[in-house]
N, C-alpha and C. Protein backbone atom coordinates (compact mmCIF):
# COMPACT_ATOMS: atom_id res chain seq x y z
N MET A 1 41.40 -47.99 18.36
CA MET A 1 42.81 -48.31 18.42
C MET A 1 43.31 -47.98 19.82
N SER A 2 44.08 -48.87 20.40
CA SER A 2 44.58 -48.66 21.75
C SER A 2 45.88 -47.85 21.72
N LEU A 3 46.25 -47.32 22.88
CA LEU A 3 47.50 -46.59 23.00
C LEU A 3 48.68 -47.48 22.65
N THR A 4 48.63 -48.72 23.06
CA THR A 4 49.70 -49.66 22.75
C THR A 4 49.86 -49.83 21.24
N GLU A 5 48.74 -49.94 20.53
CA GLU A 5 48.79 -50.08 19.07
C GLU A 5 49.37 -48.83 18.42
N ILE A 6 49.00 -47.69 18.94
CA ILE A 6 49.54 -46.43 18.40
C ILE A 6 51.05 -46.39 18.61
N LYS A 7 51.50 -46.71 19.83
CA LYS A 7 52.93 -46.70 20.14
C LYS A 7 53.70 -47.66 19.24
N GLU A 8 53.12 -48.79 18.93
CA GLU A 8 53.79 -49.77 18.08
C GLU A 8 53.96 -49.26 16.65
N GLN A 9 53.06 -48.39 16.21
CA GLN A 9 53.11 -47.90 14.83
C GLN A 9 53.99 -46.67 14.66
N ILE A 10 54.31 -45.98 15.73
CA ILE A 10 55.11 -44.75 15.64
C ILE A 10 56.46 -44.97 14.96
N PRO A 11 57.20 -46.05 15.29
CA PRO A 11 58.49 -46.24 14.62
C PRO A 11 58.39 -46.38 13.10
N ASP A 12 57.22 -46.77 12.61
CA ASP A 12 57.03 -46.94 11.17
C ASP A 12 56.72 -45.63 10.45
N LEU A 13 56.48 -44.57 11.19
CA LEU A 13 56.18 -43.28 10.58
C LEU A 13 57.44 -42.65 10.00
N THR A 14 57.24 -41.83 8.98
CA THR A 14 58.37 -41.08 8.43
C THR A 14 58.72 -39.96 9.41
N ALA A 15 59.87 -39.35 9.21
CA ALA A 15 60.28 -38.24 10.07
C ALA A 15 59.25 -37.11 10.00
N ASP A 16 58.76 -36.81 8.81
CA ASP A 16 57.75 -35.76 8.67
C ASP A 16 56.46 -36.11 9.41
N GLU A 17 56.06 -37.36 9.34
CA GLU A 17 54.85 -37.79 10.03
C GLU A 17 55.02 -37.70 11.54
N ARG A 18 56.21 -38.06 12.04
CA ARG A 18 56.46 -37.96 13.48
C ARG A 18 56.46 -36.51 13.93
N LEU A 19 57.03 -35.61 13.11
CA LEU A 19 57.00 -34.19 13.45
C LEU A 19 55.57 -33.66 13.48
N GLU A 20 54.78 -34.08 12.52
CA GLU A 20 53.38 -33.67 12.48
C GLU A 20 52.62 -34.19 13.70
N LEU A 21 52.88 -35.42 14.07
CA LEU A 21 52.24 -36.01 15.25
C LEU A 21 52.64 -35.25 16.51
N ALA A 22 53.93 -34.96 16.65
CA ALA A 22 54.41 -34.23 17.82
C ALA A 22 53.77 -32.84 17.89
N ALA A 23 53.67 -32.17 16.76
CA ALA A 23 53.05 -30.84 16.73
C ALA A 23 51.58 -30.93 17.10
N MET A 24 50.89 -31.95 16.60
CA MET A 24 49.48 -32.11 16.92
C MET A 24 49.27 -32.35 18.41
N LEU A 25 50.09 -33.21 19.00
CA LEU A 25 49.98 -33.49 20.43
C LEU A 25 50.29 -32.25 21.26
N SER A 26 51.27 -31.50 20.83
CA SER A 26 51.62 -30.26 21.53
C SER A 26 50.47 -29.26 21.45
N ASP A 27 49.90 -29.13 20.26
CA ASP A 27 48.76 -28.22 20.08
C ASP A 27 47.58 -28.63 20.96
N LEU A 28 47.30 -29.92 21.02
CA LEU A 28 46.19 -30.39 21.86
C LEU A 28 46.43 -30.05 23.32
N GLU A 29 47.66 -30.24 23.77
CA GLU A 29 47.99 -29.96 25.16
C GLU A 29 47.86 -28.47 25.46
N GLN A 30 48.39 -27.65 24.57
CA GLN A 30 48.36 -26.21 24.79
C GLN A 30 46.95 -25.65 24.68
N ASP A 31 46.18 -26.15 23.75
CA ASP A 31 44.82 -25.67 23.59
C ASP A 31 43.96 -25.99 24.80
N SER A 32 44.30 -27.08 25.49
CA SER A 32 43.48 -27.49 26.62
C SER A 32 43.87 -26.78 27.91
N GLU A 33 44.92 -26.01 27.88
CA GLU A 33 45.39 -25.37 29.10
C GLU A 33 45.19 -23.85 29.04
N GLU A 34 44.18 -23.39 29.70
CA GLU A 34 43.92 -21.95 29.78
C GLU A 34 45.10 -21.23 30.43
N SER A 35 45.69 -21.88 31.42
CA SER A 35 46.81 -21.25 32.11
C SER A 35 47.98 -21.02 31.16
N PHE A 36 48.15 -21.90 30.17
CA PHE A 36 49.23 -21.71 29.20
C PHE A 36 49.02 -20.41 28.44
N ARG A 37 47.81 -20.20 27.97
CA ARG A 37 47.51 -18.97 27.22
C ARG A 37 47.69 -17.73 28.10
N THR A 38 47.30 -17.84 29.36
CA THR A 38 47.45 -16.74 30.30
C THR A 38 48.93 -16.43 30.52
N GLN A 39 49.74 -17.46 30.68
CA GLN A 39 51.17 -17.27 30.88
C GLN A 39 51.82 -16.64 29.65
N VAL A 40 51.45 -17.10 28.48
CA VAL A 40 52.02 -16.54 27.26
C VAL A 40 51.64 -15.06 27.13
N ALA A 41 50.39 -14.73 27.41
CA ALA A 41 49.94 -13.34 27.33
C ALA A 41 50.72 -12.46 28.31
N ALA A 42 50.94 -12.95 29.51
CA ALA A 42 51.69 -12.18 30.51
C ALA A 42 53.14 -11.98 30.08
N ARG A 43 53.74 -13.02 29.53
CA ARG A 43 55.13 -12.90 29.05
C ARG A 43 55.23 -11.95 27.87
N MET A 44 54.28 -12.01 26.98
CA MET A 44 54.28 -11.10 25.83
C MET A 44 54.15 -9.65 26.30
N LYS A 45 53.29 -9.41 27.27
CA LYS A 45 53.10 -8.07 27.81
C LYS A 45 54.40 -7.57 28.44
N ALA A 46 55.06 -8.45 29.22
CA ALA A 46 56.33 -8.07 29.84
C ALA A 46 57.38 -7.75 28.79
N MET A 47 57.42 -8.52 27.73
CA MET A 47 58.38 -8.25 26.65
C MET A 47 58.06 -6.92 25.97
N ASP A 48 56.79 -6.65 25.75
CA ASP A 48 56.39 -5.38 25.14
C ASP A 48 56.79 -4.20 26.01
N GLN A 49 56.88 -4.43 27.32
CA GLN A 49 57.27 -3.37 28.24
C GLN A 49 58.79 -3.30 28.43
N GLY A 50 59.52 -4.05 27.62
CA GLY A 50 60.97 -3.96 27.64
C GLY A 50 61.68 -5.03 28.44
N ARG A 51 60.96 -5.98 28.99
CA ARG A 51 61.58 -7.03 29.78
C ARG A 51 61.99 -8.19 28.87
N LYS A 52 63.16 -8.03 28.29
CA LYS A 52 63.68 -9.06 27.40
C LYS A 52 65.19 -8.99 27.37
N LEU A 53 65.81 -9.99 26.79
CA LEU A 53 67.26 -10.07 26.73
C LEU A 53 67.74 -9.94 25.29
N SER A 54 68.93 -9.38 25.14
CA SER A 54 69.56 -9.40 23.82
C SER A 54 70.11 -10.81 23.61
N GLN A 55 70.51 -11.11 22.40
CA GLN A 55 71.10 -12.42 22.11
C GLN A 55 72.34 -12.63 22.98
N GLU A 56 73.17 -11.60 23.12
CA GLU A 56 74.39 -11.69 23.91
C GLU A 56 74.07 -11.95 25.39
N GLU A 57 73.07 -11.23 25.92
CA GLU A 57 72.67 -11.44 27.32
C GLU A 57 72.14 -12.85 27.54
N PHE A 58 71.36 -13.32 26.58
CA PHE A 58 70.81 -14.67 26.67
C PHE A 58 71.93 -15.70 26.71
N GLU A 59 72.88 -15.58 25.79
CA GLU A 59 73.98 -16.54 25.72
C GLU A 59 74.81 -16.51 26.99
N THR A 60 75.03 -15.33 27.56
CA THR A 60 75.79 -15.22 28.81
C THR A 60 75.06 -15.93 29.94
N ARG A 61 73.78 -15.65 30.09
CA ARG A 61 73.00 -16.29 31.16
C ARG A 61 72.91 -17.80 30.97
N HIS A 62 72.74 -18.21 29.72
CA HIS A 62 72.67 -19.64 29.41
C HIS A 62 73.97 -20.32 29.82
N GLY A 63 75.09 -19.71 29.47
CA GLY A 63 76.39 -20.27 29.85
C GLY A 63 76.56 -20.35 31.36
N GLU A 64 76.12 -19.33 32.06
CA GLU A 64 76.20 -19.34 33.53
C GLU A 64 75.37 -20.46 34.13
N LEU A 65 74.17 -20.65 33.61
CA LEU A 65 73.30 -21.72 34.10
C LEU A 65 73.89 -23.10 33.80
N GLU A 66 74.43 -23.26 32.61
CA GLU A 66 75.06 -24.54 32.26
C GLU A 66 76.23 -24.84 33.18
N ALA A 67 77.01 -23.80 33.50
CA ALA A 67 78.18 -23.98 34.38
C ALA A 67 77.75 -24.43 35.77
N ARG A 68 76.55 -24.03 36.18
CA ARG A 68 76.03 -24.43 37.49
C ARG A 68 75.25 -25.74 37.42
N GLY A 69 75.16 -26.31 36.23
CA GLY A 69 74.46 -27.59 36.08
C GLY A 69 72.96 -27.46 35.99
N ARG A 70 72.48 -26.33 35.57
CA ARG A 70 71.02 -26.13 35.47
C ARG A 70 70.57 -26.14 34.04
């Protein structure tokens, strides 16, 4: 089956099938990237060491970034 044929059939999928397809493609991409796993491990370690935001801090920073168009 060609990529074109796959693309043509996607609109006929149910919402659940499209979500499953998106998750599968995401998993394939992430599994193939060693750097992704390395980045996640580094971020988890930083969070374990206290480098994280509260919900309030996150919302404040998010609002500031949105105000700047980022």
